Amino acid sequence: MDGSTAVATHADAGWAAGPLLGFDTETTGLDVAADRLVTAALVLRLPGVRTEVRTWLVDPGVDIPAEAAAIHGITTEHARERGRPPAEALEEIATELVRHVRRGVPLVAYNASFDLSLLDAELARHGLATVPERLGRPVSPVLDPLVIDRWQDAGREGKRRLGDLCALYGVVGDGDLHAADVDALATLDVLAALLSRYPHLRATALEALHAAQAGVHRDWAESVSAAPGWPSEAPRGAGAPPGTPAPGGGHG
């Protein structure tokens, strides 16, 4: 698929002026089946009205590798001292996320298949219902600026990490990336920039945007031998072997 992929459009579908829910995680690594959640953020944005931020710090119950701590700044010691028990925090995160999605609020996540797949794997690991199980359906609608950028500017060379798109689209945040709340806010800002650059997206129904992104991700995944599921892969169970390929390798 490319930027010419046909989707149904209207003069203005209206959803861009409504609430959006940003979601981001920081983790112990990039393996969605084996790694654990360390921090999470849900950011409810009502464009032009207000932005509400909720964050969680979690004790993952395992050591946080030095490589991961160097990225997001959370050490094993800090997580053990200040972090919430994982099952308790995961239940809160899933409950809050599902509450908004049930109301039809679009979920906005950068490389959504990573965050949502890891969240579901963590929920299953702790004997909790996954997000699709709570909803009784797949998670939708989801807006993923990484996938939308691949779709609308397929020919551009170079990396497409969150920081790269922030630079490309002139997004300047209030903190350093790789904190869950900062990344979720930046993801919402990148989406706003994409809607400004490609205004036909605003005129596209959410259902059509969701379906188009799933196809774009599937085509990309086939080209790089990544997991094809979007916006999430079904958990393989808490005992899944390490090495399960990440849907996209985090946010960058």
Protein backbone atom coordinates (compact mmCIF):
# COMPACT_ATOMS: atom_id res chain seq x y z
CA MET A 1 0.00 0.00 0.00
CA ASP A 2 1.03 3.60 -0.47
CA GLY A 3 -0.36 7.09 -0.06
CA SER A 4 -2.75 6.50 -2.93
CA THR A 5 -4.61 3.70 -1.12
CA ALA A 6 -8.31 4.36 -1.63
CA VAL A 7 -10.41 4.96 1.49
CA ALA A 8 -13.82 6.51 1.91
CA THR A 9 -13.61 10.22 2.71
CA HIS A 10 -16.05 12.93 3.67
CA ALA A 11 -15.77 16.72 3.85
CA ASP A 12 -14.71 16.33 7.50
CA ALA A 13 -15.38 13.17 9.46
CA GLY A 14 -15.32 15.21 12.68
CA TRP A 15 -13.34 12.82 14.86
CA ALA A 16 -10.17 14.97 14.86
CA ALA A 17 -11.97 17.64 16.90
CA GLY A 18 -13.08 15.10 19.51
CA PRO A 19 -11.22 13.37 22.34
CA LEU A 20 -8.11 11.28 21.65
CA LEU A 21 -6.42 8.85 24.04
CA GLY A 22 -2.62 8.65 23.84
CA PHE A 23 -0.92 5.50 25.17
CA ASP A 24 2.72 4.66 25.69
CA THR A 25 4.85 2.24 27.70
CA GLU A 26 8.47 1.84 28.71
CA THR A 27 9.62 -1.72 29.26
CA THR A 28 12.44 -4.08 30.20
CA GLY A 29 13.11 -4.84 26.53
CA LEU A 30 11.67 -5.38 23.07
CA ASP A 31 10.31 -8.94 23.31
CA VAL A 32 6.55 -8.56 23.64
CA ALA A 33 6.13 -12.11 24.96
CA ALA A 34 8.91 -12.11 27.57
CA ASP A 35 9.61 -8.52 28.59
CA ARG A 36 7.75 -6.55 31.23
CA LEU A 37 6.11 -3.18 31.60
CA VAL A 38 7.98 -0.62 33.71
CA THR A 39 6.04 2.61 33.12
CA ALA A 40 2.86 3.51 31.26
CA ALA A 41 0.95 6.65 30.42
CA LEU A 42 -2.57 7.37 29.23
CA VAL A 43 -3.14 10.89 27.95
CA LEU A 44 -6.67 12.06 27.25
CA ARG A 45 -6.61 15.07 24.96
CA LEU A 46 -9.63 17.17 24.12
CA PRO A 47 -8.18 19.33 21.33
CA GLY A 48 -8.24 23.00 22.25
CA VAL A 49 -9.82 22.26 25.64
CA ARG A 50 -7.58 20.29 28.01
CA THR A 51 -5.15 17.41 28.33
CA GLU A 52 -5.27 14.91 31.21
CA VAL A 53 -2.22 12.75 31.95
CA ARG A 54 -2.16 9.61 34.09
CA THR A 55 1.03 7.63 34.64
CA TRP A 56 2.07 4.39 36.32
CA LEU A 57 5.43 3.20 37.65
CA VAL A 58 5.51 -0.58 37.98
CA ASP A 59 7.81 -3.00 39.77
CA PRO A 60 8.11 -5.55 36.94
CA GLY A 61 9.19 -8.33 39.30
CA VAL A 62 12.39 -8.92 37.33
CA ASP A 63 15.65 -7.05 36.97
CA ILE A 64 15.58 -4.17 34.52
CA PRO A 65 18.53 -4.61 32.14
CA ALA A 66 21.09 -1.82 32.21
CA GLU A 67 20.48 -1.22 28.49
CA ALA A 68 16.78 -0.55 29.10
CA ALA A 69 17.42 1.58 32.19
CA ALA A 70 19.84 3.69 30.17
CA ILE A 71 17.01 4.49 27.75
CA HIS A 72 14.11 5.26 30.08
CA GLY A 73 15.99 6.04 33.29
CA ILE A 74 14.19 3.54 35.56
CA THR A 75 16.54 1.21 37.44
CA THR A 76 15.65 -2.05 39.14
CA GLU A 77 16.21 -0.43 42.53
CA HIS A 78 13.96 2.53 41.77
CA ALA A 79 11.17 0.32 40.43
CA ARG A 80 11.32 -1.96 43.47
CA GLU A 81 11.25 0.97 45.88
CA ARG A 82 8.63 3.14 44.18
CA GLY A 83 6.79 0.89 41.72
CA ARG A 84 3.29 -0.54 42.02
CA PRO A 85 2.68 -4.30 42.08
CA PRO A 86 2.31 -5.31 38.42
CA ALA A 87 -1.12 -6.99 38.59
CA GLU A 88 -2.58 -3.99 40.41
CA ALA A 89 -1.16 -1.47 37.97
CA LEU A 90 -2.00 -3.55 34.89
CA GLU A 91 -5.63 -3.86 36.00
CA GLU A 92 -5.87 -0.09 36.38
CA ILE A 93 -4.25 0.59 33.01
CA ALA A 94 -6.48 -1.86 31.17
CA THR A 95 -9.62 -0.66 32.94
CA GLU A 96 -8.92 2.98 32.08
CA LEU A 97 -7.97 2.24 28.48
CA VAL A 98 -11.05 0.08 27.88
CA ARG A 99 -13.35 2.67 29.47
CA HIS A 100 -12.39 5.24 26.86
CA VAL A 101 -12.28 2.84 23.89
CA ARG A 102 -15.79 1.61 24.71
CA ARG A 103 -16.93 5.22 24.42
CA GLY A 104 -15.49 5.35 20.92
CA VAL A 105 -12.44 7.45 21.77
CA PRO A 106 -9.65 6.72 19.26
CA LEU A 107 -6.56 5.17 20.84
CA VAL A 108 -3.36 6.86 19.63
CA ALA A 109 -0.09 4.94 20.04
CA TYR A 110 3.24 5.05 18.25
CA ASN A 111 4.01 1.54 17.00
CA ALA A 112 0.76 0.44 18.61
CA SER A 113 1.40 -3.23 17.94
CA PHE A 114 4.32 -3.16 20.38
CA ASP A 115 2.59 -1.45 23.30
CA LEU A 116 -0.75 -3.23 22.94
CA SER A 117 0.81 -6.67 22.37
CA LEU A 118 3.06 -6.30 25.40
CA LEU A 119 0.19 -5.02 27.55
CA ASP A 120 -1.95 -8.02 26.60
CA ALA A 121 0.92 -10.43 27.26
CA GLU A 122 1.43 -8.87 30.69
CA LEU A 123 -2.27 -9.06 31.51
CA ALA A 124 -2.35 -12.73 30.52
CA ARG A 125 0.81 -13.41 32.52
CA HIS A 126 -0.93 -12.17 35.67
CA GLY A 127 -4.18 -14.01 35.01
CA LEU A 128 -6.05 -10.87 33.95
CA ALA A 129 -8.31 -10.43 30.94
CA THR A 130 -6.64 -8.92 27.89
CA VAL A 131 -7.90 -5.70 26.36
CA PRO A 132 -9.74 -7.47 23.48
CA GLU A 133 -11.29 -9.88 25.99
CA ARG A 134 -12.58 -6.97 28.05
CA LEU A 135 -13.96 -5.25 24.97
CA GLY A 136 -15.38 -8.43 23.45
CA ARG A 137 -13.77 -7.42 20.15
CA PRO A 138 -10.42 -6.29 18.71
CA VAL A 139 -9.17 -2.91 19.87
CA SER A 140 -10.42 -0.17 17.56
CA PRO A 141 -10.28 2.49 16.40
CA VAL A 142 -6.50 2.90 16.70
CA LEU A 143 -4.42 5.66 15.13
CA ASP A 144 -0.71 4.89 14.82
CA PRO A 145 1.43 7.80 13.58
CA LEU A 146 4.26 5.41 12.64
CA VAL A 147 1.98 3.42 10.34
CA ILE A 148 0.25 6.53 8.98
CA ASP A 149 3.63 8.06 8.14
CA ARG A 150 4.70 4.87 6.34
CA TRP A 151 1.44 4.99 4.41
CA GLN A 152 1.44 8.64 3.43
CA ASP A 153 5.18 9.03 2.76
CA ALA A 154 6.17 5.53 1.73
CA GLY A 155 9.08 6.60 -0.44
CA ARG A 156 10.97 8.56 2.22
CA GLU A 157 14.24 6.96 3.22
CA GLY A 158 15.68 6.96 6.72
CA LYS A 159 14.53 5.92 10.16
CA ARG A 160 11.03 6.46 11.47
CA ARG A 161 11.54 6.49 15.21
CA LEU A 162 9.36 8.79 17.27
CA GLY A 163 12.24 11.23 17.61
CA ASP A 164 12.77 11.22 13.85
CA LEU A 165 9.14 12.09 13.19
CA CYS A 166 9.18 14.79 15.86
CA ALA A 167 12.10 16.39 14.03
CA LEU A 168 10.51 15.92 10.62
CA TYR A 169 7.16 17.43 11.61
CA GLY A 170 8.53 20.14 13.92
CA VAL A 171 7.16 18.68 17.14
CA VAL A 172 8.85 20.09 20.23
CA GLY A 173 7.86 18.60 23.58
CA ASP A 174 8.33 19.63 27.19
CA GLY A 175 10.70 16.81 28.13
CA ASP A 176 13.06 14.16 26.86
CA LEU A 177 11.62 11.25 24.90
CA HIS A 178 11.61 7.75 26.43
CA ALA A 179 9.41 8.78 29.35
CA ALA A 180 5.97 7.27 28.79
CA ASP A 181 4.05 10.50 29.37
CA VAL A 182 6.39 12.57 27.19
CA ASP A 183 6.21 9.99 24.41
CA ALA A 184 2.41 9.77 24.57
CA LEU A 185 2.13 13.56 24.34
CA ALA A 186 4.63 13.66 21.47
CA THR A 187 2.68 10.92 19.67
CA LEU A 188 -0.49 13.00 19.87
CA ASP A 189 1.42 16.01 18.56
CA VAL A 190 2.87 14.01 15.66
CA LEU A 191 -0.63 12.83 14.80
CA ALA A 192 -1.82 16.45 14.77
CA ALA A 193 1.06 17.33 12.43
CA LEU A 194 0.18 14.44 10.13
CA LEU A 195 -3.43 15.60 9.97
CA SER A 196 -2.21 19.09 9.08
CA ARG A 197 0.11 17.84 6.34
CA TYR A 198 -2.37 15.29 4.97
CA PRO A 199 -5.79 16.92 5.55
CA HIS A 200 -7.63 14.18 3.67
CA LEU A 201 -7.00 12.00 6.74
CA ARG A 202 -9.33 14.19 8.77
CA ALA A 203 -12.02 13.55 6.20
CA THR A 204 -11.63 9.78 6.44
CA ALA A 205 -13.90 7.74 8.67
CA LEU A 206 -12.13 6.15 11.63
CA GLU A 207 -13.17 2.65 10.56
CA ALA A 208 -11.57 3.18 7.15
CA LEU A 209 -8.40 4.62 8.69
CA HIS A 210 -8.12 1.68 11.06
CA ALA A 211 -8.54 -0.86 8.26
CA ALA A 212 -6.06 0.95 6.00
CA GLN A 213 -3.41 1.01 8.73
CA ALA A 214 -3.83 -2.71 9.33
CA GLY A 215 -3.11 -3.32 5.64
CA VAL A 216 -0.13 -0.97 5.60
CA HIS A 217 1.36 -2.66 8.66
CA ARG A 218 0.76 -6.12 7.22
CA ASP A 219 2.55 -5.20 3.97
CA TRP A 220 5.48 -3.68 5.88
CA ALA A 221 5.70 -6.69 8.24
CA GLU A 222 5.86 -9.10 5.31
CA SER A 223 8.74 -7.10 3.82
CA VAL A 224 10.83 -7.28 7.02
CA SER A 225 9.63 -10.62 8.49
CA ALA A 226 7.98 -8.95 11.49
CA ALA A 227 4.79 -9.95 13.27
CA PRO A 228 1.89 -9.00 10.96
CA GLY A 229 -0.81 -8.37 13.58
CA TRP A 230 -2.00 -4.81 14.08
CA PRO A 231 -2.93 -3.16 16.35
CA SER A 232 -1.86 -6.12 18.47
CA GLU A 233 -0.75 -9.73 18.40
CA ALA A 234 -2.59 -12.26 20.58
CA PRO A 235 -0.54 -13.27 23.65
CA ARG A 236 1.30 -16.56 23.45
CA GLY A 237 0.95 -17.08 27.18
CA ALA A 238 3.14 -16.27 30.13
CA GLY A 239 5.37 -19.21 29.35
CA ALA A 240 6.10 -18.16 25.79
CA PRO A 241 9.76 -18.64 24.93
CA PRO A 242 12.04 -15.63 24.68
CA GLY A 243 12.82 -14.43 21.20
CA THR A 244 9.27 -13.83 20.00
CA PRO A 245 9.78 -11.13 17.35
CA ALA A 246 8.62 -7.69 18.41
CA PRO A 247 5.96 -6.22 16.14
CA GLY A 248 8.13 -3.22 15.46
CA GLY A 249 10.83 -2.95 18.06
CA GLY A 250 9.56 -0.24 20.42
CA HIS A 251 9.36 3.45 19.66
CA GLY A 252 12.92 4.64 19.13
